C-alpha atoms as a PDB file:
ATOM      1  CA  MET A   1       7.816  22.754 -13.186  1.00  0.00           C
ATOM      2  CA  THR A   2       6.588  20.829 -10.132  1.00  0.00           C
ATOM      3  CA  ARG A   3       4.085  23.565  -9.279  1.00  0.00           C
ATOM      4  CA  THR A   4       2.661  23.399 -12.795  1.00  0.00           C
ATOM      5  CA  ARG A   5       2.280  19.632 -12.532  1.00  0.00           C
ATOM      6  CA  THR A   6       0.592  19.957  -9.146  1.00  0.00           C
ATOM      7  CA  ILE A   7      -1.851  22.545 -10.457  1.00  0.00           C
ATOM      8  CA  SER A   8      -2.560  20.369 -13.500  1.00  0.00           C
ATOM      9  CA  ALA A   9      -3.150  17.324 -11.299  1.00  0.00           C
ATOM     10  CA  LEU A  10      -5.496  19.274  -9.030  1.00  0.00           C
ATOM     11  CA  ALA A  11      -7.439  20.616 -12.008  1.00  0.00           C
ATOM     12  CA  TYR A  12      -7.764  17.085 -13.369  1.00  0.00           C
ATOM     13  CA  LEU A  13      -8.998  15.726 -10.032  1.00  0.00           C
ATOM     14  CA  GLN A  14     -11.538  18.536  -9.665  1.00  0.00           C
ATOM     15  CA  SER A  15     -12.957  17.844 -13.122  1.00  0.00           C
ATOM     16  CA  ARG A  16     -13.696  14.179 -12.371  1.00  0.00           C
ATOM     17  CA  PRO A  17     -15.964  12.752  -9.678  1.00  0.00           C
ATOM     18  CA  LEU A  18     -14.293  10.338  -7.290  1.00  0.00           C
ATOM     19  CA  THR A  19     -15.449   6.794  -6.801  1.00  0.00           C
ATOM     20  CA  PRO A  20     -16.708   5.986  -3.285  1.00  0.00           C
ATOM     21  CA  PHE A  21     -13.512   4.032  -2.554  1.00  0.00           C
ATOM     22  CA  ALA A  22     -11.308   6.891  -3.758  1.00  0.00           C
ATOM     23  CA  SER A  23     -13.334   9.372  -1.728  1.00  0.00           C
ATOM     24  CA  VAL A  24     -12.886   7.360   1.476  1.00  0.00           C
ATOM     25  CA  LEU A  25      -9.202   6.869   0.739  1.00  0.00           C
ATOM     26  CA  LEU A  26      -8.767  10.593   0.162  1.00  0.00           C
ATOM     27  CA  GLN A  27     -10.478  11.368   3.484  1.00  0.00           C
ATOM     28  CA  ILE A  28      -8.133   8.949   5.268  1.00  0.00           C
ATOM     29  CA  VAL A  29      -5.118  10.619   3.683  1.00  0.00           C
ATOM     30  CA  VAL A  30      -6.369  14.070   4.699  1.00  0.00           C
ATOM     31  CA  VAL A  31      -6.826  12.922   8.323  1.00  0.00           C
ATOM     32  CA  CYS A  32      -3.351  11.350   8.400  1.00  0.00           C
ATOM     33  CA  VAL A  33      -1.754  14.500   6.998  1.00  0.00           C
ATOM     34  CA  SER A  34      -3.616  16.626   9.567  1.00  0.00           C
ATOM     35  CA  TRP A  35      -2.434  14.374  12.396  1.00  0.00           C
ATOM     36  CA  SER A  36       1.146  14.538  11.138  1.00  0.00           C
ATOM     37  CA  GLU A  37       1.045  18.327  10.910  1.00  0.00           C
ATOM     38  CA  ARG A  38      -0.438  18.602  14.406  1.00  0.00           C
ATOM     39  CA  ARG A  39       2.271  16.311  15.811  1.00  0.00           C
ATOM     40  CA  ARG A  40       5.091  18.268  14.159  1.00  0.00           C
ATOM     41  CA  THR A  41       3.782  21.641  15.303  1.00  0.00           C
ATOM     42  CA  ARG A  42       3.336  20.445  18.882  1.00  0.00           C
ATOM     43  CA  ILE A  43       6.892  19.128  18.959  1.00  0.00           C
ATOM     44  CA  ALA A  44       8.120  22.464  17.591  1.00  0.00           C
ATOM     45  CA  LEU A  45       6.052  24.346  20.182  1.00  0.00           C
ATOM     46  CA  ALA A  46       7.705  22.396  22.995  1.00  0.00           C
ATOM     47  CA  ASP A  47      11.127  23.368  21.625  1.00  0.00           C
ATOM     48  CA  LEU A  48      10.509  27.141  21.571  1.00  0.00           C
ATOM     49  CA  ASP A  49      12.451  29.225  24.050  1.00  0.00           C
ATOM     50  CA  ASP A  50      10.757  31.610  26.486  1.00  0.00           C
ATOM     51  CA  HIS A  51      11.406  34.659  24.304  1.00  0.00           C
ATOM     52  CA  MET A  52       9.713  33.059  21.295  1.00  0.00           C
ATOM     53  CA  LEU A  53       6.804  31.855  23.435  1.00  0.00           C
ATOM     54  CA  ASP A  54       6.379  35.408  24.690  1.00  0.00           C
ATOM     55  CA  ASP A  55       6.228  36.580  21.068  1.00  0.00           C
ATOM     56  CA  VAL A  56       3.279  34.254  20.368  1.00  0.00           C
ATOM     57  CA  GLY A  57       1.621  35.048  23.692  1.00  0.00           C
ATOM     58  CA  LEU A  58       2.051  31.724  25.477  1.00  0.00           C
ATOM     59  CA  THR A  59       3.618  30.778  28.761  1.00  0.00           C
ATOM     60  CA  ARG A  60       5.972  27.805  29.095  1.00  0.00           C
ATOM     61  CA  ARG A  61       3.228  25.951  30.996  1.00  0.00           C
ATOM     62  CA  GLU A  62       0.621  26.541  28.256  1.00  0.00           C
ATOM     63  CA  ALA A  63       3.067  25.441  25.566  1.00  0.00           C
ATOM     64  CA  LEU A  64       3.940  22.240  27.403  1.00  0.00           C
ATOM     65  CA  GLU A  65       0.267  21.459  28.047  1.00  0.00           C
ATOM     66  CA  GLU A  66      -0.456  21.817  24.344  1.00  0.00           C
ATOM     67  CA  ALA A  67       2.622  19.794  23.388  1.00  0.00           C
ATOM     68  CA  ARG A  68       1.554  16.924  25.641  1.00  0.00           C
ATOM     69  CA  ARG A  69      -1.830  16.555  23.951  1.00  0.00           C
ATOM     70  CA  PRO A  70      -2.214  13.533  21.656  1.00  0.00           C
ATOM     71  CA  PHE A  71      -1.962  14.266  17.946  1.00  0.00           C
ATOM     72  CA  TRP A  72      -5.553  13.196  17.297  1.00  0.00           C
ATOM     73  CA  GLN A  73      -6.981  15.892  19.586  1.00  0.00           C
ATOM     74  CA  TYR A  74      -7.625  19.459  18.452  1.00  0.00           C
END
């Protein structure tokens, strides 16, 4: 049921042009969500054990360097 509502909401939004204010607000939300995702994945990367890091092809040092980066940096 939730998936159907989400798809319906997305279809509705795609069929209507956004006002300039709504467009800017949407861009801000997208940036905030991206930052949040980046922060969560970097925290998770720092928590991986050596075996899991080996599986993804990273050393402990590389993982910690990436985890220390600020969330706003790629």
